[in-house]
Structure formats: structure tokens, C-alpha cells
Amino acid sequence: MKKGLKYTLISLGCLVVFAGIVMGIMYVMSPYEVKRWLGIVSSYSNVFVDRLKGQPYTHGGYDGIDVSKHNGVIKWKEIAKNKRIKFVYIRATHGKGYVDRHYRRNIRLARKYGLKVGSYHLMSAGSSVTAQFRDFQKIVKKGEQDLIPVLDVEEKGIQGRWKGRQLQDSIQVFADLVKKHYGKYPIIYSNESFYNKEMGAKFNRYYLFIANYNSRQPSINGRGKCNIWQYSETGHLHGIGERVDLSRFMNGTTIKDLML
């Protein structure tokens, strides 16, 4: 038994040394690939990995951020020190049956450190809107929300399956369910061109969270107005080791308008 244990320990030691050598060679050849691999590992754990180390931080111009598992493990205590951040939106669910693996950790720690937080659902045309809302409702507890929920409607999620009236009706069903359960209609998030093309004036009365990565402010057809402008997807902040979306208030909107 002792002899077998000795050989086992020696074998494990050799494996550790070998893995270290391989990682060292990989880092010399491609530091980015090593950081990417560590980032993948960190998304399944509580290990913070800064893949942007050494790159300049974003200074000013933003009022809030939105995050998901793609931002890796976040140091929320560091984020809370950033007084420019007035709001944080955290992805909770996507389509039906998918819960963001970092959601519970993100919502708990962001609130622990005093940030104003809300949750968002990424809509998919692959399943019933009602079923999608049920998943969102199960994970997003009203008592844990400071801000109005966001419904994220993107072209890549719809994949051309819903267009025009069908898409608008689907959004309306989800929005009505949000109003019934949370007390307010959701904020609608979308890309500027997709919103104007597929949703148009029907949702102009809602608060709109619009992505446009040009220097030009978003323009909404009809009488609608952009309340939050997501102007960058390449922000770099202390406490987040991946690029992060940055947004700013528009047209007189303040944090009070977003409160649930």
C-alpha cells in the first residue's frame, strides 16, 4: 500500500510539473491563449482573471454597465468604488431553460456593495414567450431588484424567425407579464437599426435602452426617445477582466426613472 501510494504521489507530481512546463511554453508563444484558457476556467469558478492587464482603463463618459457570464468573475467591491457607475444590469436568463451561470453571484455581490442593480432577459424566437418569462420570474426575485427589468431584443436572438407584427406581439406578451408581476413595464433594449426597422413606434412610449457604437447619438423614429445609450462594448474597468458594455443616460433620464 505504501509503495503504491508513493508511486501515485510521484506520478501526480510529474503531471503538475509537466502541466507547468506546458503552460510556460504556451505563455511564451502566445500569452493571449493562456489568458483565454484561464478565462474559460474562471467562468466556471470564483477565480478572477484579468485578461486586459496592462491595457488602459476607461475614464469617464459612462453612467452604467451591463454584464453577463462573458465578463468573467467580477470584483464587485472594486466596481462599487467607481462613483461614475449609477446602475448595473445583470443578465439573468436567455430564451427558455438557460440561466446565466454567474447571475446569482453577480446580483448578490453587486447589491452587497451598494450598487443599484436590475436584471435582463435575452429574448429568443426558439421558444414560447410565456415560458421564457416563467424562467425569468423564477430566478429574478422582485425583492432583489432596484431597477426596472430589461427585455433584450436582438437580431441574433430572433434569427429572422419573428418579424414585424409577430415580433411586436411577442414583445408585448412578455412586457405585459413583467408589468403584472413586477409592477412596471420593462425597459426595451435593442440595436438602433433593428429597433427602428422591426419595432418602431409601437414601443416608443417605453423607456428605451439603445445600442449604437458610432459617435452619433441614437435616433428613434417617431416620437420615441433613447433613455440609455449603450455607446461602447469595449470598456475596461477596474474589477472586470474582460471588455464591458458602457452606457450613459440620455434626454434628461436619471436613475430615479429606472427605479422599480
Protein backbone atom coordinates (compact mmCIF):
# COMPACT_ATOMS: atom_id res chain seq x y z
CA MET A 1 0.00 0.00 0.00
CA LYS A 2 2.75 2.45 0.96
CA LYS A 3 4.70 1.63 -2.18
CA GLY A 4 1.63 2.18 -4.34
CA LEU A 5 0.90 5.49 -2.63
CA LYS A 6 4.48 6.60 -3.21
CA TYR A 7 4.26 5.91 -6.94
CA THR A 8 0.88 7.67 -7.10
CA LEU A 9 2.28 10.80 -5.47
CA ILE A 10 5.32 10.76 -7.75
CA SER A 11 3.05 10.44 -10.80
CA LEU A 12 0.85 13.33 -9.67
CA GLY A 13 3.93 15.45 -9.01
CA CYS A 14 5.24 14.74 -12.50
CA LEU A 15 1.89 15.70 -14.02
CA VAL A 16 1.87 19.02 -12.16
CA VAL A 17 5.42 19.80 -13.28
CA PHE A 18 4.60 18.81 -16.87
CA ALA A 19 1.48 21.00 -16.88
CA GLY A 20 3.52 23.90 -15.55
CA ILE A 21 6.13 23.46 -18.27
CA VAL A 22 3.45 23.29 -20.99
CA MET A 23 1.73 26.43 -19.68
CA GLY A 24 5.08 28.22 -19.53
CA ILE A 25 5.86 27.35 -23.15
CA MET A 26 2.36 28.38 -24.22
CA TYR A 27 2.68 31.71 -22.44
CA VAL A 28 5.99 32.46 -24.16
CA MET A 29 4.49 31.55 -27.54
CA SER A 30 1.03 33.06 -27.01
CA PRO A 31 0.21 34.90 -23.76
CA TYR A 32 -3.27 35.66 -25.09
CA GLU A 33 -4.16 31.97 -25.49
CA VAL A 34 -3.11 31.23 -21.92
CA LYS A 35 -5.21 34.12 -20.62
CA ARG A 36 -8.14 32.97 -22.76
CA TRP A 37 -7.88 29.44 -21.34
CA LEU A 38 -7.70 30.79 -17.79
CA GLY A 39 -10.70 32.98 -18.56
CA ILE A 40 -12.73 29.94 -19.64
CA VAL A 41 -11.77 28.17 -16.43
CA SER A 42 -12.64 31.21 -14.33
CA SER A 43 -16.16 31.39 -15.77
CA TYR A 44 -16.86 28.11 -14.01
CA SER A 45 -15.28 29.16 -10.72
CA ASN A 46 -14.79 32.16 -8.45
CA VAL A 47 -11.34 32.97 -9.79
CA PHE A 48 -10.80 36.48 -11.13
CA VAL A 49 -8.70 36.62 -14.30
CA ASP A 50 -7.70 39.97 -15.79
CA ARG A 51 -7.26 39.31 -19.50
CA LEU A 52 -6.81 43.04 -20.10
CA LYS A 53 -3.95 43.55 -17.67
CA GLY A 54 -1.70 46.38 -18.74
CA GLN A 55 -4.26 47.93 -21.07
CA PRO A 56 -5.59 51.44 -20.31
CA TYR A 57 -8.76 51.85 -18.28
CA THR A 58 -11.80 53.76 -19.49
CA HIS A 59 -12.11 57.14 -17.80
CA GLY A 60 -15.42 58.98 -17.77
CA GLY A 61 -18.32 59.23 -20.17
CA TYR A 62 -20.46 56.43 -18.74
CA ASP A 63 -23.22 56.12 -16.14
CA GLY A 64 -23.71 52.35 -16.04
CA ILE A 65 -22.75 48.90 -17.25
CA ASP A 66 -24.41 45.62 -18.16
CA VAL A 67 -22.74 42.26 -17.54
CA SER A 68 -23.13 38.53 -18.07
CA LYS A 69 -21.02 35.38 -17.76
CA HIS A 70 -18.97 36.68 -20.70
CA ASN A 71 -17.42 39.27 -18.39
CA GLY A 72 -15.94 36.52 -16.21
CA VAL A 73 -15.73 36.70 -12.44
CA ILE A 74 -16.22 40.30 -11.36
CA LYS A 75 -14.69 42.05 -8.34
CA TRP A 76 -17.82 43.87 -7.25
CA LYS A 77 -16.10 45.59 -4.36
CA GLU A 78 -13.84 47.31 -6.90
CA ILE A 79 -16.76 48.19 -9.17
CA ALA A 80 -18.59 49.78 -6.23
CA LYS A 81 -15.65 52.13 -5.68
CA ASN A 82 -16.28 53.62 -9.13
CA LYS A 83 -18.60 56.53 -8.38
CA ARG A 84 -19.42 57.05 -12.04
CA ILE A 85 -21.45 53.82 -12.05
CA LYS A 86 -25.03 54.68 -11.17
CA PHE A 87 -26.64 51.47 -12.45
CA VAL A 88 -25.79 47.87 -13.28
CA TYR A 89 -27.85 45.48 -15.38
CA ILE A 90 -27.10 41.77 -15.00
CA ARG A 91 -28.17 39.07 -17.41
CA ALA A 92 -30.42 36.54 -15.71
CA THR A 93 -31.87 34.37 -18.47
CA HIS A 94 -31.71 33.70 -22.19
CA GLY A 95 -34.56 32.11 -24.11
CA LYS A 96 -36.10 29.16 -22.27
CA GLY A 97 -34.15 26.95 -19.89
CA TYR A 98 -30.94 29.00 -19.76
CA VAL A 99 -29.84 30.79 -16.60
CA ASP A 100 -26.61 32.80 -16.68
CA ARG A 101 -24.17 30.85 -14.52
CA HIS A 102 -22.88 33.99 -12.81
CA TYR A 103 -26.26 35.59 -12.18
CA ARG A 104 -26.74 34.62 -8.54
CA ARG A 105 -23.20 35.62 -7.61
CA ASN A 106 -23.41 38.89 -9.54
CA ILE A 107 -26.75 40.03 -8.12
CA ARG A 108 -25.79 39.10 -4.56
CA LEU A 109 -22.41 40.83 -4.52
CA ALA A 110 -23.43 43.88 -6.54
CA ARG A 111 -26.21 44.57 -4.03
CA LYS A 112 -23.95 43.75 -1.09
CA TYR A 113 -21.61 46.56 -2.10
CA GLY A 114 -24.40 49.07 -2.58
CA LEU A 115 -24.83 49.23 -6.35
CA LYS A 116 -28.22 49.87 -7.95
CA VAL A 117 -28.98 46.71 -9.88
CA GLY A 118 -31.54 45.30 -12.28
CA SER A 119 -31.83 42.15 -14.37
CA TYR A 120 -32.35 41.46 -18.04
CA HIS A 121 -33.69 38.68 -20.22
CA LEU A 122 -32.34 37.98 -23.70
CA MET A 123 -35.32 37.03 -25.84
CA SER A 124 -35.16 34.09 -28.25
CA ALA A 125 -37.53 33.13 -31.04
CA GLY A 126 -36.86 29.47 -30.32
CA SER A 127 -39.44 29.04 -27.55
CA SER A 128 -42.69 30.33 -26.08
CA VAL A 129 -42.53 33.87 -24.72
CA THR A 130 -44.67 32.84 -21.74
CA ALA A 131 -42.26 30.00 -20.94
CA GLN A 132 -39.34 32.41 -21.20
CA PHE A 133 -41.00 34.76 -18.73
CA ARG A 134 -41.65 31.92 -16.27
CA ASP A 135 -37.93 31.16 -16.23
CA PHE A 136 -37.12 34.83 -15.73
CA GLN A 137 -39.65 35.15 -12.91
CA LYS A 138 -38.25 32.11 -11.09
CA ILE A 139 -34.69 33.43 -10.99
CA VAL A 140 -35.31 37.20 -10.75
CA LYS A 141 -36.76 37.88 -7.31
CA LYS A 142 -38.60 41.18 -7.05
CA GLY A 143 -37.14 41.88 -3.61
CA GLU A 144 -33.62 41.72 -5.04
CA GLN A 145 -34.21 44.31 -7.77
CA ASP A 146 -33.62 48.03 -7.53
CA LEU A 147 -34.29 48.76 -11.19
CA ILE A 148 -36.97 48.06 -13.78
CA PRO A 149 -36.27 44.78 -15.66
CA VAL A 150 -34.87 44.99 -19.18
CA LEU A 151 -36.07 42.95 -22.15
CA ASP A 152 -33.15 42.47 -24.53
CA VAL A 153 -34.37 42.04 -28.13
CA GLU A 154 -31.57 41.43 -30.61
CA GLU A 155 -31.46 40.34 -34.20
CA LYS A 156 -29.16 37.42 -33.38
CA GLY A 157 -31.66 36.12 -30.81
CA ILE A 158 -34.64 36.40 -33.13
CA GLN A 159 -32.71 34.92 -36.09
CA GLY A 160 -35.27 36.08 -38.61
CA ARG A 161 -37.99 33.81 -37.20
CA TRP A 162 -40.13 36.67 -35.94
CA LYS A 163 -40.65 39.84 -37.94
CA GLY A 164 -42.86 42.89 -37.76
CA ARG A 165 -46.20 42.19 -36.11
CA GLN A 166 -45.23 38.74 -34.82
CA LEU A 167 -42.14 40.12 -33.10
CA GLN A 168 -44.06 43.08 -31.70
CA ASP A 169 -46.81 40.82 -30.34
CA SER A 170 -44.21 38.59 -28.68
CA ILE A 171 -42.55 41.57 -27.02
CA GLN A 172 -45.94 42.83 -25.86
CA VAL A 173 -46.80 39.49 -24.23
CA PHE A 174 -43.52 39.49 -22.29
CA ALA A 175 -43.92 43.16 -21.38
CA ASP A 176 -47.46 42.62 -20.06
CA LEU A 177 -46.25 39.72 -17.90
CA VAL A 178 -43.44 41.88 -16.50
CA LYS A 179 -45.94 44.64 -15.69
CA LYS A 180 -48.26 42.20 -13.95
CA HIS A 181 -45.54 40.62 -11.80
CA TYR A 182 -43.06 43.46 -11.19
CA GLY A 183 -45.43 46.42 -11.35
CA LYS A 184 -43.83 48.26 -14.28
CA TYR A 185 -43.31 47.67 -17.98
CA PRO A 186 -39.77 46.62 -18.91
CA ILE A 187 -37.16 48.79 -20.50
CA ILE A 188 -36.68 47.69 -24.11
CA TYR A 189 -33.08 47.10 -25.19
CA SER A 190 -32.08 46.76 -28.83
CA ASN A 191 -29.72 47.93 -31.52
CA GLU A 192 -30.76 51.24 -33.08
CA SER A 193 -31.30 49.96 -36.62
CA PHE A 194 -33.09 46.76 -35.53
CA TYR A 195 -35.40 48.69 -33.21
CA ASN A 196 -36.37 51.21 -35.87
CA LYS A 197 -36.86 48.52 -38.51
CA GLU A 198 -38.77 45.87 -36.56
CA MET A 199 -40.32 47.53 -33.50
CA GLY A 200 -40.83 51.14 -34.45
CA ALA A 201 -43.43 53.37 -32.89
CA LYS A 202 -45.26 50.57 -31.04
CA PHE A 203 -42.82 50.70 -28.10
CA ASN A 204 -41.79 54.34 -28.24
CA ARG A 205 -43.75 55.00 -25.05
CA TYR A 206 -41.45 52.63 -23.14
CA TYR A 207 -38.05 53.50 -21.72
CA LEU A 208 -35.57 52.62 -24.47
CA PHE A 209 -32.05 51.29 -23.97
CA ILE A 210 -30.38 51.57 -27.38
CA ALA A 211 -27.03 50.29 -28.62
CA ASN A 212 -25.15 52.36 -31.16
CA TYR A 213 -21.35 52.24 -31.22
CA ASN A 214 -20.94 55.23 -33.51
CA SER A 215 -20.08 58.67 -32.21
CA ARG A 216 -23.57 59.77 -33.22
CA GLN A 217 -26.36 59.58 -30.62
CA PRO A 218 -29.14 57.05 -31.36
CA SER A 219 -32.09 58.32 -33.34
CA ILE A 220 -35.55 56.85 -32.78
CA ASN A 221 -38.20 57.03 -35.48
CA GLY A 222 -41.39 58.81 -34.49
CA ARG A 223 -41.85 60.43 -31.08
CA GLY A 224 -39.76 57.98 -29.10
CA LYS A 225 -36.51 58.89 -27.39
CA CYS A 226 -33.44 57.00 -26.26
CA ASN A 227 -33.20 56.97 -22.46
CA ILE A 228 -29.99 54.96 -22.15
CA TRP A 229 -27.34 54.90 -24.86
CA GLN A 230 -25.03 51.89 -24.90
CA TYR A 231 -22.21 53.61 -26.73
CA SER A 232 -19.37 51.12 -26.25
CA GLU A 233 -18.83 47.37 -25.94
CA THR A 234 -15.09 47.67 -25.31
CA GLY A 235 -14.87 49.36 -21.92
CA HIS A 236 -12.15 48.42 -19.44
CA LEU A 237 -12.87 48.97 -15.75
CA HIS A 238 -11.10 48.10 -12.51
CA GLY A 239 -12.61 44.83 -11.27
CA ILE A 240 -13.64 43.39 -14.65
CA GLY A 241 -11.09 41.33 -16.56
CA GLU A 242 -12.98 41.38 -19.87
CA ARG A 243 -14.31 44.11 -22.14
CA VAL A 244 -17.58 45.51 -20.80
CA ASP A 245 -20.54 47.42 -22.25
CA LEU A 246 -20.70 51.07 -21.23
CA SER A 247 -23.85 53.21 -21.26
CA ARG A 248 -24.91 56.73 -20.43
CA PHE A 249 -28.20 58.46 -19.63
CA MET A 250 -29.85 60.47 -22.39
CA ASN A 251 -32.59 63.08 -22.79
CA GLY A 252 -32.86 64.02 -19.13
CA THR A 253 -33.17 60.45 -17.85
CA THR A 254 -31.85 59.82 -14.32
CA ILE A 255 -31.51 56.85 -12.00
CA LYS A 256 -34.84 57.81 -10.41
CA ASP A 257 -36.59 56.99 -13.69
CA LEU A 258 -35.21 53.44 -13.62
CA MET A 259 -36.21 52.58 -10.06
CA LEU A 260 -38.62 49.69 -9.69
